[in-house]
Amino acid sequence: MQTEVFKTVQITGSSTSGTDEAVRAAVEKAAKTIHNLRWFKVIETRGHLENGKIAHWQVTIDLGFTLD
């Protein structure tokens, strides 16, 4: 039986377009330096306001990856 060991890191992505784009930006940036990414879990969604309007969406995620 093969077993795997996972590690998680928490990061926050941001986007002016929306939450989906914020998550994608975070995952794509992390994938440049973290190998074996397997899953993500949304921890928190928040935003930055300017003049009463949403300027940026900010999404904090846990990223799970397998250790070599």
PDB file of N, CA and C in Angstrom:
ATOM      1  N   MET A   1       0.838  -1.173   0.000  1.00  0.00           N
ATOM      2  CA  MET A   1       0.000   0.000   0.000  1.00  0.00           C
ATOM      3  C   MET A   1       0.895   1.252   0.000  1.00  0.00           C
ATOM      4  N   GLN A   2       0.616   2.156  -0.919  1.00  0.00           N
ATOM      5  CA  GLN A   2       1.374   3.395  -1.007  1.00  0.00           C
ATOM      6  C   GLN A   2       0.756   4.439  -0.084  1.00  0.00           C
ATOM      7  N   THR A   3       1.598   5.118   0.678  1.00  0.00           N
ATOM      8  CA  THR A   3       1.109   6.191   1.534  1.00  0.00           C
ATOM      9  C   THR A   3       1.731   7.504   1.090  1.00  0.00           C
ATOM     10  N   GLU A   4       1.025   8.579   1.357  1.00  0.00           N
ATOM     11  CA  GLU A   4       1.515   9.908   1.025  1.00  0.00           C
ATOM     12  C   GLU A   4       1.465  10.779   2.271  1.00  0.00           C
ATOM     13  N   VAL A   5       2.371  11.741   2.318  1.00  0.00           N
ATOM     14  CA  VAL A   5       2.387  12.713   3.398  1.00  0.00           C
ATOM     15  C   VAL A   5       2.157  14.080   2.771  1.00  0.00           C
ATOM     16  N   PHE A   6       1.249  14.834   3.365  1.00  0.00           N
ATOM     17  CA  PHE A   6       0.888  16.139   2.836  1.00  0.00           C
ATOM     18  C   PHE A   6       1.360  17.249   3.769  1.00  0.00           C
ATOM     19  N   LYS A   7       1.609  18.403   3.193  1.00  0.00           N
ATOM     20  CA  LYS A   7       1.906  19.622   3.942  1.00  0.00           C
ATOM     21  C   LYS A   7       0.971  20.690   3.414  1.00  0.00           C
ATOM     22  N   THR A   8       0.605  21.639   4.274  1.00  0.00           N
ATOM     23  CA  THR A   8      -0.237  22.745   3.830  1.00  0.00           C
ATOM     24  C   THR A   8       0.457  24.071   4.122  1.00  0.00           C
ATOM     25  N   VAL A   9       0.182  25.039   3.274  1.00  0.00           N
ATOM     26  CA  VAL A   9       0.618  26.417   3.482  1.00  0.00           C
ATOM     27  C   VAL A   9      -0.594  27.310   3.255  1.00  0.00           C
ATOM     28  N   GLN A  10      -0.597  28.449   3.906  1.00  0.00           N
ATOM     29  CA  GLN A  10      -1.713  29.384   3.748  1.00  0.00           C
ATOM     30  C   GLN A  10      -1.217  30.629   3.026  1.00  0.00           C
ATOM     31  N   ILE A  11      -1.927  30.996   1.951  1.00  0.00           N
ATOM     32  CA  ILE A  11      -1.562  32.172   1.171  1.00  0.00           C
ATOM     33  C   ILE A  11      -2.824  32.965   0.833  1.00  0.00           C
ATOM     34  N   THR A  12      -2.632  34.213   0.424  1.00  0.00           N
ATOM     35  CA  THR A  12      -3.749  35.067   0.041  1.00  0.00           C
ATOM     36  C   THR A  12      -3.510  35.629  -1.342  1.00  0.00           C
ATOM     37  N   GLY A  13      -4.502  35.462  -2.216  1.00  0.00           N
ATOM     38  CA  GLY A  13      -4.454  36.042  -3.558  1.00  0.00           C
ATOM     39  C   GLY A  13      -5.418  37.205  -3.636  1.00  0.00           C
ATOM     40  N   SER A  14      -5.148  38.128  -4.556  1.00  0.00           N
ATOM     41  CA  SER A  14      -6.064  39.248  -4.732  1.00  0.00           C
ATOM     42  C   SER A  14      -6.316  39.498  -6.210  1.00  0.00           C
ATOM     43  N   SER A  15      -7.451  40.135  -6.488  1.00  0.00           N
ATOM     44  CA  SER A  15      -7.833  40.424  -7.863  1.00  0.00           C
ATOM     45  C   SER A  15      -8.854  41.549  -7.883  1.00  0.00           C
ATOM     46  N   THR A  16      -8.825  42.332  -8.926  1.00  0.00           N
ATOM     47  CA  THR A  16      -9.856  43.352  -9.120  1.00  0.00           C
ATOM     48  C   THR A  16     -11.083  42.746  -9.793  1.00  0.00           C
ATOM     49  N   SER A  17     -10.948  41.537 -10.344  1.00  0.00           N
ATOM     50  CA  SER A  17     -12.026  40.907 -11.118  1.00  0.00           C
ATOM     51  C   SER A  17     -13.017  40.117 -10.279  1.00  0.00           C
ATOM     52  N   GLY A  18     -12.531  39.444  -9.233  1.00  0.00           N
ATOM     53  CA  GLY A  18     -13.437  38.630  -8.434  1.00  0.00           C
ATOM     54  C   GLY A  18     -12.700  37.563  -7.651  1.00  0.00           C
ATOM     55  N   THR A  19     -13.457  36.795  -6.879  1.00  0.00           N
ATOM     56  CA  THR A  19     -12.868  35.787  -6.003  1.00  0.00           C
ATOM     57  C   THR A  19     -12.220  34.648  -6.778  1.00  0.00           C
ATOM     58  N   ASP A  20     -12.842  34.210  -7.852  1.00  0.00           N
ATOM     59  CA  ASP A  20     -12.285  33.125  -8.651  1.00  0.00           C
ATOM     60  C   ASP A  20     -10.899  33.495  -9.170  1.00  0.00           C
ATOM     61  N   GLU A  21     -10.762  34.684  -9.677  1.00  0.00           N
ATOM     62  CA  GLU A  21      -9.475  35.141 -10.195  1.00  0.00           C
ATOM     63  C   GLU A  21      -8.449  35.286  -9.072  1.00  0.00           C
ATOM     64  N   ALA A  22      -8.876  35.685  -7.884  1.00  0.00           N
ATOM     65  CA  ALA A  22      -7.964  35.790  -6.743  1.00  0.00           C
ATOM     66  C   ALA A  22      -7.402  34.429  -6.359  1.00  0.00           C
ATOM     67  N   VAL A  23      -8.256  33.402  -6.348  1.00  0.00           N
ATOM     68  CA  VAL A  23      -7.808  32.037  -6.051  1.00  0.00           C
ATOM     69  C   VAL A  23      -6.857  31.559  -7.141  1.00  0.00           C
ATOM     70  N   ARG A  24      -7.227  31.763  -8.395  1.00  0.00           N
ATOM     71  CA  ARG A  24      -6.368  31.326  -9.499  1.00  0.00           C
ATOM     72  C   ARG A  24      -5.003  32.005  -9.453  1.00  0.00           C
ATOM     73  N   ALA A  25      -4.968  33.282  -9.137  1.00  0.00           N
ATOM     74  CA  ALA A  25      -3.697  34.009  -9.053  1.00  0.00           C
ATOM     75  C   ALA A  25      -2.823  33.430  -7.947  1.00  0.00           C
ATOM     76  N   ALA A  26      -3.421  33.129  -6.812  1.00  0.00           N
ATOM     77  CA  ALA A  26      -2.670  32.560  -5.692  1.00  0.00           C
ATOM     78  C   ALA A  26      -2.096  31.192  -6.048  1.00  0.00           C
ATOM     79  N   VAL A  27      -2.920  30.337  -6.638  1.00  0.00           N
ATOM     80  CA  VAL A  27      -2.475  28.988  -6.997  1.00  0.00           C
ATOM     81  C   VAL A  27      -1.389  29.038  -8.071  1.00  0.00           C
ATOM     82  N   GLU A  28      -1.584  29.853  -9.094  1.00  0.00           N
ATOM     83  CA  GLU A  28      -0.598  29.937 -10.177  1.00  0.00           C
ATOM     84  C   GLU A  28       0.743  30.469  -9.680  1.00  0.00           C
ATOM     85  N   LYS A  29       0.723  31.448  -8.788  1.00  0.00           N
ATOM     86  CA  LYS A  29       1.970  31.981  -8.232  1.00  0.00           C
ATOM     87  C   LYS A  29       2.666  30.930  -7.375  1.00  0.00           C
ATOM     88  N   ALA A  30       1.903  30.248  -6.528  1.00  0.00           N
ATOM     89  CA  ALA A  30       2.479  29.224  -5.652  1.00  0.00           C
ATOM     90  C   ALA A  30       3.066  28.066  -6.459  1.00  0.00           C
ATOM     91  N   ALA A  31       2.422  27.718  -7.566  1.00  0.00           N
ATOM     92  CA  ALA A  31       2.871  26.588  -8.392  1.00  0.00           C
ATOM     93  C   ALA A  31       4.261  26.819  -8.989  1.00  0.00           C
ATOM     94  N   LYS A  32       4.714  28.066  -9.014  1.00  0.00           N
ATOM     95  CA  LYS A  32       6.052  28.352  -9.541  1.00  0.00           C
ATOM     96  C   LYS A  32       7.156  27.891  -8.598  1.00  0.00           C
ATOM     97  N   THR A  33       6.847  27.795  -7.297  1.00  0.00           N
ATOM     98  CA  THR A  33       7.873  27.403  -6.328  1.00  0.00           C
ATOM     99  C   THR A  33       7.510  26.190  -5.480  1.00  0.00           C
ATOM    100  N   ILE A  34       6.238  25.825  -5.429  1.00  0.00           N
ATOM    101  CA  ILE A  34       5.806  24.662  -4.649  1.00  0.00           C
ATOM    102  C   ILE A  34       5.422  23.556  -5.617  1.00  0.00           C
ATOM    103  N   HIS A  35       6.034  22.406  -5.444  1.00  0.00           N
ATOM    104  CA  HIS A  35       5.778  21.281  -6.344  1.00  0.00           C
ATOM    105  C   HIS A  35       4.756  20.323  -5.734  1.00  0.00           C
ATOM    106  N   ASN A  36       4.139  19.540  -6.571  1.00  0.00           N
ATOM    107  CA  ASN A  36       3.181  18.503  -6.151  1.00  0.00           C
ATOM    108  C   ASN A  36       1.921  19.072  -5.497  1.00  0.00           C
ATOM    109  N   LEU A  37       1.442  20.234  -5.959  1.00  0.00           N
ATOM    110  CA  LEU A  37       0.190  20.784  -5.430  1.00  0.00           C
ATOM    111  C   LEU A  37      -0.946  19.811  -5.706  1.00  0.00           C
ATOM    112  N   ARG A  38      -1.808  19.608  -4.721  1.00  0.00           N
ATOM    113  CA  ARG A  38      -2.890  18.632  -4.862  1.00  0.00           C
ATOM    114  C   ARG A  38      -4.282  19.230  -4.651  1.00  0.00           C
ATOM    115  N   TRP A  39      -4.447  20.180  -3.743  1.00  0.00           N
ATOM    116  CA  TRP A  39      -5.777  20.699  -3.428  1.00  0.00           C
ATOM    117  C   TRP A  39      -5.676  22.074  -2.790  1.00  0.00           C
ATOM    118  N   PHE A  40      -6.819  22.748  -2.735  1.00  0.00           N
ATOM    119  CA  PHE A  40      -6.902  24.014  -1.995  1.00  0.00           C
ATOM    120  C   PHE A  40      -8.224  24.073  -1.251  1.00  0.00           C
ATOM    121  N   LYS A  41      -8.239  24.872  -0.191  1.00  0.00           N
ATOM    122  CA  LYS A  41      -9.443  25.073   0.607  1.00  0.00           C
ATOM    123  C   LYS A  41      -9.542  26.567   0.904  1.00  0.00           C
ATOM    124  N   VAL A  42     -10.687  27.161   0.597  1.00  0.00           N
ATOM    125  CA  VAL A  42     -10.891  28.581   0.876  1.00  0.00           C
ATOM    126  C   VAL A  42     -11.109  28.768   2.377  1.00  0.00           C
ATOM    127  N   ILE A  43     -10.300  29.634   2.966  1.00  0.00           N
ATOM    128  CA  ILE A  43     -10.364  29.908   4.396  1.00  0.00           C
ATOM    129  C   ILE A  43     -11.157  31.180   4.676  1.00  0.00           C
ATOM    130  N   GLU A  44     -10.894  32.223   3.872  1.00  0.00           N
ATOM    131  CA  GLU A  44     -11.531  33.513   4.125  1.00  0.00           C
ATOM    132  C   GLU A  44     -11.647  34.297   2.822  1.00  0.00           C
ATOM    133  N   THR A  45     -12.729  35.015   2.681  1.00  0.00           N
ATOM    134  CA  THR A  45     -12.916  35.921   1.550  1.00  0.00           C
ATOM    135  C   THR A  45     -13.193  37.313   2.120  1.00  0.00           C
ATOM    136  N   ARG A  46     -12.456  38.280   1.619  1.00  0.00           N
ATOM    137  CA  ARG A  46     -12.646  39.651   2.075  1.00  0.00           C
ATOM    138  C   ARG A  46     -12.324  40.579   0.911  1.00  0.00           C
ATOM    139  N   GLY A  47     -12.450  41.862   1.122  1.00  0.00           N
ATOM    140  CA  GLY A  47     -12.172  42.795   0.046  1.00  0.00           C
ATOM    141  C   GLY A  47     -11.650  44.121   0.542  1.00  0.00           C
ATOM    142  N   HIS A  48     -11.109  44.851  -0.385  1.00  0.00           N
ATOM    143  CA  HIS A  48     -10.588  46.196  -0.140  1.00  0.00           C
ATOM    144  C   HIS A  48     -11.532  47.176  -0.827  1.00  0.00           C
ATOM    145  N   LEU A  49     -11.964  48.190  -0.094  1.00  0.00           N
ATOM    146  CA  LEU A  49     -12.915  49.159  -0.628  1.00  0.00           C
ATOM    147  C   LEU A  49     -12.239  50.498  -0.891  1.00  0.00           C
ATOM    148  N   GLU A  50     -12.642  51.132  -1.966  1.00  0.00           N
ATOM    149  CA  GLU A  50     -12.216  52.492  -2.281  1.00  0.00           C
ATOM    150  C   GLU A  50     -13.435  53.269  -2.750  1.00  0.00           C
ATOM    151  N   ASN A  51     -13.703  54.395  -2.116  1.00  0.00           N
ATOM    152  CA  ASN A  51     -14.833  55.248  -2.472  1.00  0.00           C
ATOM    153  C   ASN A  51     -16.159  54.488  -2.485  1.00  0.00           C
ATOM    154  N   GLY A  52     -16.342  53.595  -1.520  1.00  0.00           N
ATOM    155  CA  GLY A  52     -17.589  52.856  -1.398  1.00  0.00           C
ATOM    156  C   GLY A  52     -17.782  51.742  -2.409  1.00  0.00           C
ATOM    157  N   LYS A  53     -16.728  51.376  -3.144  1.00  0.00           N
ATOM    158  CA  LYS A  53     -16.818  50.308  -4.144  1.00  0.00           C
ATOM    159  C   LYS A  53     -15.707  49.285  -3.911  1.00  0.00           C
ATOM    160  N   ILE A  54     -15.957  48.075  -4.378  1.00  0.00           N
ATOM    161  CA  ILE A  54     -14.951  47.020  -4.246  1.00  0.00           C
ATOM    162  C   ILE A  54     -13.796  47.304  -5.199  1.00  0.00           C
ATOM    163  N   ALA A  55     -12.604  47.429  -4.626  1.00  0.00           N
ATOM    164  CA  ALA A  55     -11.404  47.670  -5.431  1.00  0.00           C
ATOM    165  C   ALA A  55     -10.639  46.371  -5.670  1.00  0.00           C
ATOM    166  N   HIS A  56     -10.570  45.523  -4.653  1.00  0.00           N
ATOM    167  CA  HIS A  56      -9.875  44.239  -4.762  1.00  0.00           C
ATOM    168  C   HIS A  56     -10.608  43.186  -3.950  1.00  0.00           C
ATOM    169  N   TRP A  57     -10.673  41.990  -4.500  1.00  0.00           N
ATOM    170  CA  TRP A  57     -11.113  40.820  -3.754  1.00  0.00           C
ATOM    171  C   TRP A  57      -9.857  40.170  -3.196  1.00  0.00           C
ATOM    172  N   GLN A  58      -9.927  39.676  -1.961  1.00  0.00           N
ATOM    173  CA  GLN A  58      -8.809  38.988  -1.331  1.00  0.00           C
ATOM    174  C   GLN A  58      -9.315  37.656  -0.795  1.00  0.00           C
ATOM    175  N   VAL A  59      -8.656  36.578  -1.202  1.00  0.00           N
ATOM    176  CA  VAL A  59      -9.086  35.240  -0.791  1.00  0.00           C
ATOM    177  C   VAL A  59      -7.894  34.505  -0.185  1.00  0.00           C
ATOM    178  N   THR A  60      -8.055  34.069   1.055  1.00  0.00           N
ATOM    179  CA  THR A  60      -7.026  33.286   1.731  1.00  0.00           C
ATOM    180  C   THR A  60      -7.360  31.812   1.552  1.00  0.00           C
ATOM    181  N   ILE A  61      -6.357  31.035   1.151  1.00  0.00           N
ATOM    182  CA  ILE A  61      -6.553  29.606   0.914  1.00  0.00           C
ATOM    183  C   ILE A  61      -5.464  28.792   1.611  1.00  0.00           C
ATOM    184  N   ASP A  62      -5.815  27.574   1.962  1.00  0.00           N
ATOM    185  CA  ASP A  62      -4.826  26.567   2.341  1.00  0.00           C
ATOM    186  C   ASP A  62      -4.509  25.805   1.077  1.00  0.00           C
ATOM    187  N   LEU A  63      -3.230  25.603   0.807  1.00  0.00           N
ATOM    188  CA  LEU A  63      -2.796  24.787  -0.318  1.00  0.00           C
ATOM    189  C   LEU A  63      -2.193  23.510   0.233  1.00  0.00           C
ATOM    190  N   GLY A  64      -2.612  22.376  -0.292  1.00  0.00           N
ATOM    191  CA  GLY A  64      -2.059  21.096   0.136  1.00  0.00           C
ATOM    192  C   GLY A  64      -1.172  20.527  -0.962  1.00  0.00           C
ATOM    193  N   PHE A  65      -0.040  19.968  -0.548  1.00  0.00           N
ATOM    194  CA  PHE A  65       0.856  19.341  -1.510  1.00  0.00           C
ATOM    195  C   PHE A  65       1.522  18.126  -0.871  1.00  0.00           C
ATOM    196  N   THR A  66       1.938  17.199  -1.711  1.00  0.00           N
ATOM    197  CA  THR A  66       2.607  15.996  -1.223  1.00  0.00           C
ATOM    198  C   THR A  66       4.100  16.262  -1.092  1.00  0.00           C
ATOM    199  N   LEU A  67       4.684  15.678  -0.062  1.00  0.00           N
ATOM    200  CA  LEU A  67       6.116  15.788   0.137  1.00  0.00           C
ATOM    201  C   LEU A  67       6.824  14.706  -0.679  1.00  0.00           C
ATOM    202  N   ASP A  68       7.992  15.048  -1.187  1.00  0.00           N
ATOM    203  CA  ASP A  68       8.786  14.079  -1.956  1.00  0.00           C
ATOM    204  C   ASP A  68       9.297  12.975  -1.055  1.00  0.00           C
TER     205      ASP A  68
END
